[in-house]
Amino acid sequence: MKRFYSSIFGIALLVFGAFVLFDAIVMFVIVGISRYYVQVAIGAFVVIAIFVAYRVIRNRLARKAFF
């Protein structure tokens, strides 16, 4: 059951990060480079950080024979 919740949490974080990045890209296209460049960078950083954290957590759980 714990594994089920952790995978849902990871997927939810990934979806949220992808949504943030998508929103940043859309605003970037509509408004232009000046105001939303920082938001695009933050969105990309969030997605990368979430992905890395998810991989690290999954590897740690795999070492404990959790998965």
PDB file of N, CA and C in Angstrom:
ATOM      1  N   MET A   1       0.829  -1.202   0.000  1.00  0.00           N
ATOM      2  CA  MET A   1       0.000   0.000   0.000  1.00  0.00           C
ATOM      3  C   MET A   1       0.867   1.255   0.000  1.00  0.00           C
ATOM      4  N   LYS A   2       1.972   1.187   0.750  1.00  0.00           N
ATOM      5  CA  LYS A   2       2.891   2.326   0.807  1.00  0.00           C
ATOM      6  C   LYS A   2       3.473   2.615  -0.572  1.00  0.00           C
ATOM      7  N   ARG A   3       3.803   1.559  -1.287  1.00  0.00           N
ATOM      8  CA  ARG A   3       4.354   1.701  -2.636  1.00  0.00           C
ATOM      9  C   ARG A   3       3.345   2.380  -3.564  1.00  0.00           C
ATOM     10  N   PHE A   4       2.076   2.002  -3.420  1.00  0.00           N
ATOM     11  CA  PHE A   4       1.002   2.583  -4.227  1.00  0.00           C
ATOM     12  C   PHE A   4       0.925   4.089  -4.004  1.00  0.00           C
ATOM     13  N   TYR A   5       0.945   4.504  -2.731  1.00  0.00           N
ATOM     14  CA  TYR A   5       0.854   5.929  -2.414  1.00  0.00           C
ATOM     15  C   TYR A   5       2.088   6.686  -2.885  1.00  0.00           C
ATOM     16  N   SER A   6       3.270   6.095  -2.750  1.00  0.00           N
ATOM     17  CA  SER A   6       4.493   6.787  -3.157  1.00  0.00           C
ATOM     18  C   SER A   6       4.523   6.976  -4.675  1.00  0.00           C
ATOM     19  N   SER A   7       4.043   5.990  -5.423  1.00  0.00           N
ATOM     20  CA  SER A   7       4.026   6.136  -6.875  1.00  0.00           C
ATOM     21  C   SER A   7       3.012   7.191  -7.299  1.00  0.00           C
ATOM     22  N   ILE A   8       1.850   7.236  -6.633  1.00  0.00           N
ATOM     23  CA  ILE A   8       0.853   8.275  -6.926  1.00  0.00           C
ATOM     24  C   ILE A   8       1.421   9.650  -6.623  1.00  0.00           C
ATOM     25  N   PHE A   9       2.132   9.768  -5.504  1.00  0.00           N
ATOM     26  CA  PHE A   9       2.744  11.041  -5.122  1.00  0.00           C
ATOM     27  C   PHE A   9       3.777  11.478  -6.159  1.00  0.00           C
ATOM     28  N   GLY A  10       4.607  10.542  -6.608  1.00  0.00           N
ATOM     29  CA  GLY A  10       5.606  10.864  -7.623  1.00  0.00           C
ATOM     30  C   GLY A  10       4.970  11.298  -8.930  1.00  0.00           C
ATOM     31  N   ILE A  11       3.916  10.589  -9.357  1.00  0.00           N
ATOM     32  CA  ILE A  11       3.225  10.944 -10.596  1.00  0.00           C
ATOM     33  C   ILE A  11       2.565  12.307 -10.466  1.00  0.00           C
ATOM     34  N   ALA A  12       1.955  12.585  -9.305  1.00  0.00           N
ATOM     35  CA  ALA A  12       1.311  13.880  -9.082  1.00  0.00           C
ATOM     36  C   ALA A  12       2.327  15.015  -9.143  1.00  0.00           C
ATOM     37  N   LEU A  13       3.493  14.807  -8.524  1.00  0.00           N
ATOM     38  CA  LEU A  13       4.553  15.815  -8.582  1.00  0.00           C
ATOM     39  C   LEU A  13       5.009  16.031 -10.019  1.00  0.00           C
ATOM     40  N   LEU A  14       5.157  14.945 -10.771  1.00  0.00           N
ATOM     41  CA  LEU A  14       5.598  15.044 -12.155  1.00  0.00           C
ATOM     42  C   LEU A  14       4.576  15.800 -13.002  1.00  0.00           C
ATOM     43  N   VAL A  15       3.280  15.497 -12.802  1.00  0.00           N
ATOM     44  CA  VAL A  15       2.214  16.187 -13.535  1.00  0.00           C
ATOM     45  C   VAL A  15       2.204  17.671 -13.192  1.00  0.00           C
ATOM     46  N   PHE A  16       2.347  17.988 -11.891  1.00  0.00           N
ATOM     47  CA  PHE A  16       2.376  19.385 -11.461  1.00  0.00           C
ATOM     48  C   PHE A  16       3.557  20.129 -12.083  1.00  0.00           C
ATOM     49  N   GLY A  17       4.719  19.498 -12.070  1.00  0.00           N
ATOM     50  CA  GLY A  17       5.896  20.113 -12.666  1.00  0.00           C
ATOM     51  C   GLY A  17       5.729  20.330 -14.168  1.00  0.00           C
ATOM     52  N   ALA A  18       5.158  19.332 -14.854  1.00  0.00           N
ATOM     53  CA  ALA A  18       4.919  19.459 -16.288  1.00  0.00           C
ATOM     54  C   ALA A  18       3.917  20.575 -16.572  1.00  0.00           C
ATOM     55  N   PHE A  19       2.885  20.698 -15.726  1.00  0.00           N
ATOM     56  CA  PHE A  19       1.899  21.767 -15.883  1.00  0.00           C
ATOM     57  C   PHE A  19       2.534  23.137 -15.703  1.00  0.00           C
ATOM     58  N   VAL A  20       3.401  23.264 -14.681  1.00  0.00           N
ATOM     59  CA  VAL A  20       4.109  24.528 -14.448  1.00  0.00           C
ATOM     60  C   VAL A  20       4.960  24.886 -15.662  1.00  0.00           C
ATOM     61  N   LEU A  21       5.681  23.899 -16.185  1.00  0.00           N
ATOM     62  CA  LEU A  21       6.537  24.132 -17.346  1.00  0.00           C
ATOM     63  C   LEU A  21       5.705  24.501 -18.573  1.00  0.00           C
ATOM     64  N   PHE A  22       4.601  23.793 -18.791  1.00  0.00           N
ATOM     65  CA  PHE A  22       3.720  24.070 -19.928  1.00  0.00           C
ATOM     66  C   PHE A  22       3.140  25.476 -19.833  1.00  0.00           C
ATOM     67  N   ASP A  23       2.657  25.850 -18.648  1.00  0.00           N
ATOM     68  CA  ASP A  23       2.115  27.189 -18.411  1.00  0.00           C
ATOM     69  C   ASP A  23       3.181  28.247 -18.686  1.00  0.00           C
ATOM     70  N   ALA A  24       4.398  27.992 -18.215  1.00  0.00           N
ATOM     71  CA  ALA A  24       5.488  28.945 -18.427  1.00  0.00           C
ATOM     72  C   ALA A  24       5.791  29.106 -19.918  1.00  0.00           C
ATOM     73  N   ILE A  25       5.784  27.992 -20.659  1.00  0.00           N
ATOM     74  CA  ILE A  25       6.070  28.053 -22.099  1.00  0.00           C
ATOM     75  C   ILE A  25       4.964  28.810 -22.828  1.00  0.00           C
ATOM     76  N   VAL A  26       3.698  28.544 -22.470  1.00  0.00           N
ATOM     77  CA  VAL A  26       2.575  29.230 -23.114  1.00  0.00           C
ATOM     78  C   VAL A  26       2.661  30.738 -22.882  1.00  0.00           C
ATOM     79  N   MET A  27       2.896  31.129 -21.629  1.00  0.00           N
ATOM     80  CA  MET A  27       3.017  32.547 -21.316  1.00  0.00           C
ATOM     81  C   MET A  27       4.229  33.157 -22.021  1.00  0.00           C
ATOM     82  N   PHE A  28       5.292  32.386 -22.114  1.00  0.00           N
ATOM     83  CA  PHE A  28       6.512  32.806 -22.804  1.00  0.00           C
ATOM     84  C   PHE A  28       6.209  33.118 -24.272  1.00  0.00           C
ATOM     85  N   VAL A  29       5.424  32.255 -24.904  1.00  0.00           N
ATOM     86  CA  VAL A  29       5.080  32.447 -26.315  1.00  0.00           C
ATOM     87  C   VAL A  29       4.155  33.647 -26.475  1.00  0.00           C
ATOM     88  N   ILE A  30       3.161  33.792 -25.585  1.00  0.00           N
ATOM     89  CA  ILE A  30       2.168  34.859 -25.710  1.00  0.00           C
ATOM     90  C   ILE A  30       2.786  36.221 -25.408  1.00  0.00           C
ATOM     91  N   VAL A  31       3.483  36.328 -24.298  1.00  0.00           N
ATOM     92  CA  VAL A  31       3.905  37.634 -23.796  1.00  0.00           C
ATOM     93  C   VAL A  31       5.275  38.026 -24.332  1.00  0.00           C
ATOM     94  N   GLY A  32       6.172  37.068 -24.468  1.00  0.00           N
ATOM     95  CA  GLY A  32       7.497  37.383 -24.965  1.00  0.00           C
ATOM     96  C   GLY A  32       8.572  37.051 -23.951  1.00  0.00           C
ATOM     97  N   ILE A  33       9.797  37.350 -24.349  1.00  0.00           N
ATOM     98  CA  ILE A  33      10.949  36.806 -23.639  1.00  0.00           C
ATOM     99  C   ILE A  33      11.208  37.508 -22.319  1.00  0.00           C
ATOM    100  N   SER A  34      10.797  38.768 -22.175  1.00  0.00           N
ATOM    101  CA  SER A  34      11.325  39.586 -21.083  1.00  0.00           C
ATOM    102  C   SER A  34      10.803  39.154 -19.716  1.00  0.00           C
ATOM    103  N   ARG A  35       9.471  38.970 -19.596  1.00  0.00           N
ATOM    104  CA  ARG A  35       8.896  38.791 -18.265  1.00  0.00           C
ATOM    105  C   ARG A  35       8.906  37.346 -17.804  1.00  0.00           C
ATOM    106  N   TYR A  36       8.770  36.396 -18.730  1.00  0.00           N
ATOM    107  CA  TYR A  36       8.529  35.011 -18.322  1.00  0.00           C
ATOM    108  C   TYR A  36       9.731  34.101 -18.541  1.00  0.00           C
ATOM    109  N   TYR A  37      10.865  34.689 -18.891  1.00  0.00           N
ATOM    110  CA  TYR A  37      12.081  33.888 -19.034  1.00  0.00           C
ATOM    111  C   TYR A  37      12.431  33.197 -17.722  1.00  0.00           C
ATOM    112  N   VAL A  38      12.301  33.947 -16.615  1.00  0.00           N
ATOM    113  CA  VAL A  38      12.598  33.395 -15.291  1.00  0.00           C
ATOM    114  C   VAL A  38      11.622  32.276 -14.956  1.00  0.00           C
ATOM    115  N   GLN A  39      10.346  32.466 -15.299  1.00  0.00           N
ATOM    116  CA  GLN A  39       9.339  31.444 -15.002  1.00  0.00           C
ATOM    117  C   GLN A  39       9.618  30.160 -15.780  1.00  0.00           C
ATOM    118  N   VAL A  40      10.050  30.295 -17.041  1.00  0.00           N
ATOM    119  CA  VAL A  40      10.400  29.117 -17.839  1.00  0.00           C
ATOM    120  C   VAL A  40      11.569  28.376 -17.196  1.00  0.00           C
ATOM    121  N   ALA A  41      12.574  29.152 -16.756  1.00  0.00           N
ATOM    122  CA  ALA A  41      13.740  28.532 -16.130  1.00  0.00           C
ATOM    123  C   ALA A  41      13.346  27.806 -14.852  1.00  0.00           C
ATOM    124  N   ILE A  42      12.482  28.442 -14.044  1.00  0.00           N
ATOM    125  CA  ILE A  42      12.026  27.822 -12.799  1.00  0.00           C
ATOM    126  C   ILE A  42      11.240  26.546 -13.104  1.00  0.00           C
ATOM    127  N   GLY A  43      10.365  26.609 -14.103  1.00  0.00           N
ATOM    128  CA  GLY A  43       9.573  25.440 -14.475  1.00  0.00           C
ATOM    129  C   GLY A  43      10.445  24.269 -14.900  1.00  0.00           C
ATOM    130  N   ALA A  44      11.458  24.560 -15.716  1.00  0.00           N
ATOM    131  CA  ALA A  44      12.379  23.513 -16.157  1.00  0.00           C
ATOM    132  C   ALA A  44      13.149  22.942 -14.966  1.00  0.00           C
ATOM    133  N   PHE A  45      13.598  23.829 -14.080  1.00  0.00           N
ATOM    134  CA  PHE A  45      14.335  23.382 -12.896  1.00  0.00           C
ATOM    135  C   PHE A  45      13.464  22.497 -12.005  1.00  0.00           C
ATOM    136  N   VAL A  46      12.186  22.882 -11.839  1.00  0.00           N
ATOM    137  CA  VAL A  46      11.256  22.102 -11.013  1.00  0.00           C
ATOM    138  C   VAL A  46      11.086  20.701 -11.592  1.00  0.00           C
ATOM    139  N   VAL A  47      10.884  20.621 -12.907  1.00  0.00           N
ATOM    140  CA  VAL A  47      10.689  19.318 -13.553  1.00  0.00           C
ATOM    141  C   VAL A  47      11.924  18.439 -13.381  1.00  0.00           C
ATOM    142  N   ILE A  48      13.115  19.034 -13.612  1.00  0.00           N
ATOM    143  CA  ILE A  48      14.357  18.265 -13.496  1.00  0.00           C
ATOM    144  C   ILE A  48      14.569  17.796 -12.058  1.00  0.00           C
ATOM    145  N   ALA A  49      14.324  18.711 -11.093  1.00  0.00           N
ATOM    146  CA  ALA A  49      14.526  18.375  -9.683  1.00  0.00           C
ATOM    147  C   ALA A  49      13.579  17.261  -9.244  1.00  0.00           C
ATOM    148  N   ILE A  50      12.315  17.343  -9.675  1.00  0.00           N
ATOM    149  CA  ILE A  50      11.335  16.315  -9.322  1.00  0.00           C
ATOM    150  C   ILE A  50      11.747  14.969  -9.924  1.00  0.00           C
ATOM    151  N   PHE A  51      12.197  14.984 -11.183  1.00  0.00           N
ATOM    152  CA  PHE A  51      12.597  13.746 -11.849  1.00  0.00           C
ATOM    153  C   PHE A  51      13.783  13.100 -11.141  1.00  0.00           C
ATOM    154  N   VAL A  52      14.777  13.934 -10.808  1.00  0.00           N
ATOM    155  CA  VAL A  52      15.967  13.418 -10.127  1.00  0.00           C
ATOM    156  C   VAL A  52      15.595  12.854  -8.763  1.00  0.00           C
ATOM    157  N   ALA A  53      14.773  13.603  -8.006  1.00  0.00           N
ATOM    158  CA  ALA A  53      14.361  13.152  -6.675  1.00  0.00           C
ATOM    159  C   ALA A  53      13.584  11.838  -6.772  1.00  0.00           C
ATOM    160  N   TYR A  54      12.705  11.732  -7.774  1.00  0.00           N
ATOM    161  CA  TYR A  54      11.919  10.517  -7.952  1.00  0.00           C
ATOM    162  C   TYR A  54      12.819   9.319  -8.257  1.00  0.00           C
ATOM    163  N   ARG A  55      13.828   9.515  -9.124  1.00  0.00           N
ATOM    164  CA  ARG A  55      14.756   8.437  -9.440  1.00  0.00           C
ATOM    165  C   ARG A  55      15.557   8.017  -8.210  1.00  0.00           C
ATOM    166  N   VAL A  56      16.020   9.004  -7.432  1.00  0.00           N
ATOM    167  CA  VAL A  56      16.810   8.701  -6.236  1.00  0.00           C
ATOM    168  C   VAL A  56      15.973   7.918  -5.235  1.00  0.00           C
ATOM    169  N   ILE A  57      14.738   8.382  -5.000  1.00  0.00           N
ATOM    170  CA  ILE A  57      13.858   7.701  -4.040  1.00  0.00           C
ATOM    171  C   ILE A  57      13.570   6.285  -4.524  1.00  0.00           C
ATOM    172  N   ARG A  58      13.297   6.136  -5.834  1.00  0.00           N
ATOM    173  CA  ARG A  58      12.988   4.816  -6.376  1.00  0.00           C
ATOM    174  C   ARG A  58      14.178   3.878  -6.232  1.00  0.00           C
ATOM    175  N   ASN A  59      15.391   4.391  -6.465  1.00  0.00           N
ATOM    176  CA  ASN A  59      16.585   3.560  -6.324  1.00  0.00           C
ATOM    177  C   ASN A  59      16.795   3.139  -4.873  1.00  0.00           C
ATOM    178  N   ARG A  60      16.576   4.049  -3.934  1.00  0.00           N
ATOM    179  CA  ARG A  60      16.718   3.714  -2.515  1.00  0.00           C
ATOM    180  C   ARG A  60      15.712   2.649  -2.106  1.00  0.00           C
ATOM    181  N   LEU A  61      14.473   2.799  -2.575  1.00  0.00           N
ATOM    182  CA  LEU A  61      13.452   1.809  -2.240  1.00  0.00           C
ATOM    183  C   LEU A  61      13.788   0.462  -2.884  1.00  0.00           C
ATOM    184  N   ALA A  62      14.354   0.489  -4.085  1.00  0.00           N
ATOM    185  CA  ALA A  62      14.713  -0.758  -4.767  1.00  0.00           C
ATOM    186  C   ALA A  62      15.810  -1.490  -4.001  1.00  0.00           C
ATOM    187  N   ARG A  63      16.728  -0.729  -3.391  1.00  0.00           N
ATOM    188  CA  ARG A  63      17.794  -1.354  -2.609  1.00  0.00           C
ATOM    189  C   ARG A  63      17.244  -2.068  -1.383  1.00  0.00           C
ATOM    190  N   LYS A  64      16.132  -1.564  -0.856  1.00  0.00           N
ATOM    191  CA  LYS A  64      15.512  -2.199   0.308  1.00  0.00           C
ATOM    192  C   LYS A  64      14.555  -3.326  -0.099  1.00  0.00           C
ATOM    193  N   ALA A  65      14.607  -3.711  -1.369  1.00  0.00           N
ATOM    194  CA  ALA A  65      13.706  -4.743  -1.903  1.00  0.00           C
ATOM    195  C   ALA A  65      12.256  -4.316  -1.720  1.00  0.00           C
ATOM    196  N   PHE A  66      12.010  -3.031  -1.928  1.00  0.00           N
ATOM    197  CA  PHE A  66      10.664  -2.474  -1.748  1.00  0.00           C
ATOM    198  C   PHE A  66       9.839  -2.640  -3.015  1.00  0.00           C
ATOM    199  N   PHE A  67      10.505  -2.462  -4.178  1.00  0.00           N
ATOM    200  CA  PHE A  67       9.785  -2.567  -5.444  1.00  0.00           C
ATOM    201  C   PHE A  67       9.888  -3.981  -5.993  1.00  0.00           C
TER     202      PHE A  67
END
